[in-house]
Amino acid sequence: QAGSLDGKVVLDCTNTMSPRTAPDGSIELRSCAEVLATMAPGARVIKTFNQAFEQLLHADSRRFDGQRPTMFYCGDDADAKKTTAALIDDTDFEPIDAGPLENARYLEQYAILIIRLGHTLGMGTNIAMKLLRR
């Protein structure tokens, strides 16, 4: 047992692959991270690490031609986000703050696009995205 999650940073790396039903019977519109935050109200929930295939996470290197793939993260706690950014950086992804936890639903949809590119469209699982800026 993990015990109380009060004050702990909890990284949500899950993705919803099909519609879920809310407790009232309606279609659940919240992200997995938002649902988790409701289930563990004292936890400092951050959405991240849902945008990379397992093969990339376990690879000797995450780099593509010397460039680190982007790993977005979002959450409502500034200190938890700082800790998360350091962890992402330590795992050789480029951390990009994607705003508040309410944006987790967009990170889940982004991840589904990556999954569809890899599996449905045949690009394979050795792919990643990179945010480019000028």
C-alpha atoms as a PDB file:
ATOM      1  CA  GLN A   1       0.000   0.000   0.000  1.00  0.00           C
ATOM      2  CA  ALA A   2       1.176   3.483  -0.857  1.00  0.00           C
ATOM      3  CA  GLY A   3      -0.489   5.028   2.179  1.00  0.00           C
ATOM      4  CA  SER A   4      -1.707   8.588   2.045  1.00  0.00           C
ATOM      5  CA  LEU A   5      -0.966  10.523  -1.140  1.00  0.00           C
ATOM      6  CA  ASP A   6      -1.451  13.871   0.588  1.00  0.00           C
ATOM      7  CA  GLY A   7       1.294  16.235  -0.528  1.00  0.00           C
ATOM      8  CA  LYS A   8       2.947  13.644  -2.780  1.00  0.00           C
ATOM      9  CA  VAL A   9       3.705  14.245  -6.443  1.00  0.00           C
ATOM     10  CA  VAL A  10       1.754  11.695  -8.508  1.00  0.00           C
ATOM     11  CA  LEU A  11       2.601  11.361 -12.199  1.00  0.00           C
ATOM     12  CA  ASP A  12      -0.265  10.146 -14.363  1.00  0.00           C
ATOM     13  CA  CYS A  13       1.007   8.434 -17.510  1.00  0.00           C
ATOM     14  CA  THR A  14      -2.300   6.848 -18.562  1.00  0.00           C
ATOM     15  CA  ASN A  15      -4.365   7.454 -21.687  1.00  0.00           C
ATOM     16  CA  THR A  16      -8.069   6.952 -22.278  1.00  0.00           C
ATOM     17  CA  MET A  17      -8.478   4.873 -25.418  1.00  0.00           C
ATOM     18  CA  SER A  18     -12.279   4.864 -25.483  1.00  0.00           C
ATOM     19  CA  PRO A  19     -15.092   6.874 -23.911  1.00  0.00           C
ATOM     20  CA  ARG A  20     -15.641   6.331 -20.191  1.00  0.00           C
ATOM     21  CA  THR A  21     -18.865   6.610 -18.238  1.00  0.00           C
ATOM     22  CA  ALA A  22     -19.017   9.097 -15.360  1.00  0.00           C
ATOM     23  CA  PRO A  23     -20.621   8.091 -12.037  1.00  0.00           C
ATOM     24  CA  ASP A  24     -23.857   9.829 -13.081  1.00  0.00           C
ATOM     25  CA  GLY A  25     -24.050   7.745 -16.282  1.00  0.00           C
ATOM     26  CA  SER A  26     -22.968  10.511 -18.649  1.00  0.00           C
ATOM     27  CA  ILE A  27     -19.878  10.381 -20.856  1.00  0.00           C
ATOM     28  CA  GLU A  28     -16.790  11.298 -18.805  1.00  0.00           C
ATOM     29  CA  LEU A  29     -15.182  14.397 -20.293  1.00  0.00           C
ATOM     30  CA  ARG A  30     -12.421  14.812 -17.736  1.00  0.00           C
ATOM     31  CA  SER A  31      -8.953  13.464 -18.376  1.00  0.00           C
ATOM     32  CA  CYS A  32      -7.620  10.484 -16.469  1.00  0.00           C
ATOM     33  CA  ALA A  33      -5.423  12.932 -14.536  1.00  0.00           C
ATOM     34  CA  GLU A  34      -8.406  15.052 -13.510  1.00  0.00           C
ATOM     35  CA  VAL A  35     -10.277  11.954 -12.336  1.00  0.00           C
ATOM     36  CA  LEU A  36      -7.180  10.842 -10.406  1.00  0.00           C
ATOM     37  CA  ALA A  37      -6.912  14.274  -8.764  1.00  0.00           C
ATOM     38  CA  THR A  38     -10.529  13.907  -7.601  1.00  0.00           C
ATOM     39  CA  MET A  39      -9.843  10.415  -6.237  1.00  0.00           C
ATOM     40  CA  ALA A  40      -6.713  11.578  -4.365  1.00  0.00           C
ATOM     41  CA  PRO A  41      -7.560  15.163  -3.383  1.00  0.00           C
ATOM     42  CA  GLY A  42      -4.338  15.812  -1.440  1.00  0.00           C
ATOM     43  CA  ALA A  43      -2.056  14.520  -4.189  1.00  0.00           C
ATOM     44  CA  ARG A  44      -0.159  16.893  -6.466  1.00  0.00           C
ATOM     45  CA  VAL A  45      -1.133  15.283  -9.793  1.00  0.00           C
ATOM     46  CA  ILE A  46       0.925  15.924 -12.914  1.00  0.00           C
ATOM     47  CA  LYS A  47       0.118  14.515 -16.359  1.00  0.00           C
ATOM     48  CA  THR A  48       3.231  13.352 -18.231  1.00  0.00           C
ATOM     49  CA  PHE A  49       5.118  10.371 -19.689  1.00  0.00           C
ATOM     50  CA  ASN A  50       1.979   9.337 -21.588  1.00  0.00           C
ATOM     51  CA  GLN A  51       3.352  10.533 -24.944  1.00  0.00           C
ATOM     52  CA  ALA A  52       6.107   7.993 -25.613  1.00  0.00           C
ATOM     53  CA  PHE A  53       6.036   4.350 -26.556  1.00  0.00           C
ATOM     54  CA  GLU A  54       7.444   1.863 -24.061  1.00  0.00           C
ATOM     55  CA  GLN A  55      10.222   1.006 -26.509  1.00  0.00           C
ATOM     56  CA  LEU A  56      11.474   4.598 -26.427  1.00  0.00           C
ATOM     57  CA  LEU A  57      11.333   4.722 -22.633  1.00  0.00           C
ATOM     58  CA  HIS A  58      13.458   1.558 -22.434  1.00  0.00           C
ATOM     59  CA  ALA A  59      15.876   2.450 -25.257  1.00  0.00           C
ATOM     60  CA  ASP A  60      19.565   3.089 -24.572  1.00  0.00           C
ATOM     61  CA  SER A  61      19.027   6.599 -25.937  1.00  0.00           C
ATOM     62  CA  ARG A  62      15.916   8.668 -26.453  1.00  0.00           C
ATOM     63  CA  ARG A  63      17.624  11.003 -28.914  1.00  0.00           C
ATOM     64  CA  PHE A  64      16.889  11.220 -32.632  1.00  0.00           C
ATOM     65  CA  ASP A  65      19.823  12.631 -34.611  1.00  0.00           C
ATOM     66  CA  GLY A  66      21.076  14.223 -31.397  1.00  0.00           C
ATOM     67  CA  GLN A  67      17.748  15.876 -30.536  1.00  0.00           C
ATOM     68  CA  ARG A  68      15.729  15.086 -27.443  1.00  0.00           C
ATOM     69  CA  PRO A  69      12.032  14.367 -27.999  1.00  0.00           C
ATOM     70  CA  THR A  70       9.548  16.670 -26.322  1.00  0.00           C
ATOM     71  CA  MET A  71       7.736  15.471 -23.208  1.00  0.00           C
ATOM     72  CA  PHE A  72       4.865  17.712 -22.197  1.00  0.00           C
ATOM     73  CA  TYR A  73       3.645  17.929 -18.622  1.00  0.00           C
ATOM     74  CA  CYS A  74       0.769  19.785 -16.978  1.00  0.00           C
ATOM     75  CA  GLY A  75      -0.542  20.306 -13.480  1.00  0.00           C
ATOM     76  CA  ASP A  76      -1.729  22.842 -10.952  1.00  0.00           C
ATOM     77  CA  ASP A  77       1.131  22.722  -8.408  1.00  0.00           C
ATOM     78  CA  ALA A  78       4.198  24.826  -9.317  1.00  0.00           C
ATOM     79  CA  ASP A  79       6.630  22.884  -7.104  1.00  0.00           C
ATOM     80  CA  ALA A  80       5.374  19.532  -8.408  1.00  0.00           C
ATOM     81  CA  LYS A  81       5.814  20.817 -11.956  1.00  0.00           C
ATOM     82  CA  LYS A  82       9.391  21.869 -11.168  1.00  0.00           C
ATOM     83  CA  THR A  83      10.141  18.391  -9.783  1.00  0.00           C
ATOM     84  CA  THR A  84       8.523  16.793 -12.834  1.00  0.00           C
ATOM     85  CA  ALA A  85      10.483  18.965 -15.279  1.00  0.00           C
ATOM     86  CA  ALA A  86      13.729  17.882 -13.595  1.00  0.00           C
ATOM     87  CA  LEU A  87      12.718  14.206 -13.844  1.00  0.00           C
ATOM     88  CA  ILE A  88      11.815  14.603 -17.517  1.00  0.00           C
ATOM     89  CA  ASP A  89      15.142  16.322 -18.162  1.00  0.00           C
ATOM     90  CA  ASP A  90      16.991  13.556 -16.278  1.00  0.00           C
ATOM     91  CA  THR A  91      15.383  10.965 -18.566  1.00  0.00           C
ATOM     92  CA  ASP A  92      16.692  12.867 -21.619  1.00  0.00           C
ATOM     93  CA  PHE A  93      13.423  14.283 -22.888  1.00  0.00           C
ATOM     94  CA  GLU A  94      12.888  18.005 -23.379  1.00  0.00           C
ATOM     95  CA  PRO A  95      10.376  19.106 -20.711  1.00  0.00           C
ATOM     96  CA  ILE A  96       7.684  21.516 -21.923  1.00  0.00           C
ATOM     97  CA  ASP A  97       5.128  22.960 -19.497  1.00  0.00           C
ATOM     98  CA  ALA A  98       1.672  22.530 -21.041  1.00  0.00           C
ATOM     99  CA  GLY A  99      -0.159  24.573 -18.423  1.00  0.00           C
ATOM    100  CA  PRO A 100      -2.766  23.581 -15.829  1.00  0.00           C
ATOM    101  CA  LEU A 101      -4.084  20.080 -15.172  1.00  0.00           C
ATOM    102  CA  GLU A 102      -7.219  20.827 -17.205  1.00  0.00           C
ATOM    103  CA  ASN A 103      -4.941  20.558 -20.280  1.00  0.00           C
ATOM    104  CA  ALA A 104      -4.282  16.881 -19.506  1.00  0.00           C
ATOM    105  CA  ARG A 105      -7.195  15.938 -21.773  1.00  0.00           C
ATOM    106  CA  TYR A 106      -5.261  17.416 -24.704  1.00  0.00           C
ATOM    107  CA  LEU A 107      -2.110  15.506 -23.788  1.00  0.00           C
ATOM    108  CA  GLU A 108      -4.175  12.317 -23.767  1.00  0.00           C
ATOM    109  CA  GLN A 109      -5.539  13.053 -27.243  1.00  0.00           C
ATOM    110  CA  TYR A 110      -2.033  13.957 -28.446  1.00  0.00           C
ATOM    111  CA  ALA A 111      -0.817  10.598 -27.164  1.00  0.00           C
ATOM    112  CA  ILE A 112      -3.602   8.802 -29.032  1.00  0.00           C
ATOM    113  CA  LEU A 113      -2.410  10.471 -32.236  1.00  0.00           C
ATOM    114  CA  ILE A 114       1.112   9.151 -31.583  1.00  0.00           C
ATOM    115  CA  ILE A 115      -0.296   5.671 -30.901  1.00  0.00           C
ATOM    116  CA  ARG A 116      -2.314   5.748 -34.129  1.00  0.00           C
ATOM    117  CA  LEU A 117       0.707   6.944 -36.116  1.00  0.00           C
ATOM    118  CA  GLY A 118       2.791   4.125 -34.683  1.00  0.00           C
ATOM    119  CA  HIS A 119       0.341   1.248 -34.812  1.00  0.00           C
ATOM    120  CA  THR A 120      -2.519   2.059 -37.176  1.00  0.00           C
ATOM    121  CA  LEU A 121      -0.529   3.950 -39.798  1.00  0.00           C
ATOM    122  CA  GLY A 122       2.500   1.673 -39.586  1.00  0.00           C
ATOM    123  CA  MET A 123       5.207   4.109 -38.471  1.00  0.00           C
ATOM    124  CA  GLY A 124       6.250   1.755 -35.687  1.00  0.00           C
ATOM    125  CA  THR A 125       7.021   2.423 -32.055  1.00  0.00           C
ATOM    126  CA  ASN A 126      10.440   4.019 -32.503  1.00  0.00           C
ATOM    127  CA  ILE A 127       8.926   7.462 -33.103  1.00  0.00           C
ATOM    128  CA  ALA A 128       8.630  10.642 -31.051  1.00  0.00           C
ATOM    129  CA  MET A 129       7.541  14.256 -31.457  1.00  0.00           C
ATOM    130  CA  LYS A 130       9.634  17.411 -31.089  1.00  0.00           C
ATOM    131  CA  LEU A 131       8.274  20.910 -30.491  1.00  0.00           C
ATOM    132  CA  LEU A 132      10.251  23.382 -32.598  1.00  0.00           C
ATOM    133  CA  ARG A 133      10.337  27.112 -31.828  1.00  0.00           C
ATOM    134  CA  ARG A 134      11.805  30.247 -33.409  1.00  0.00           C
END
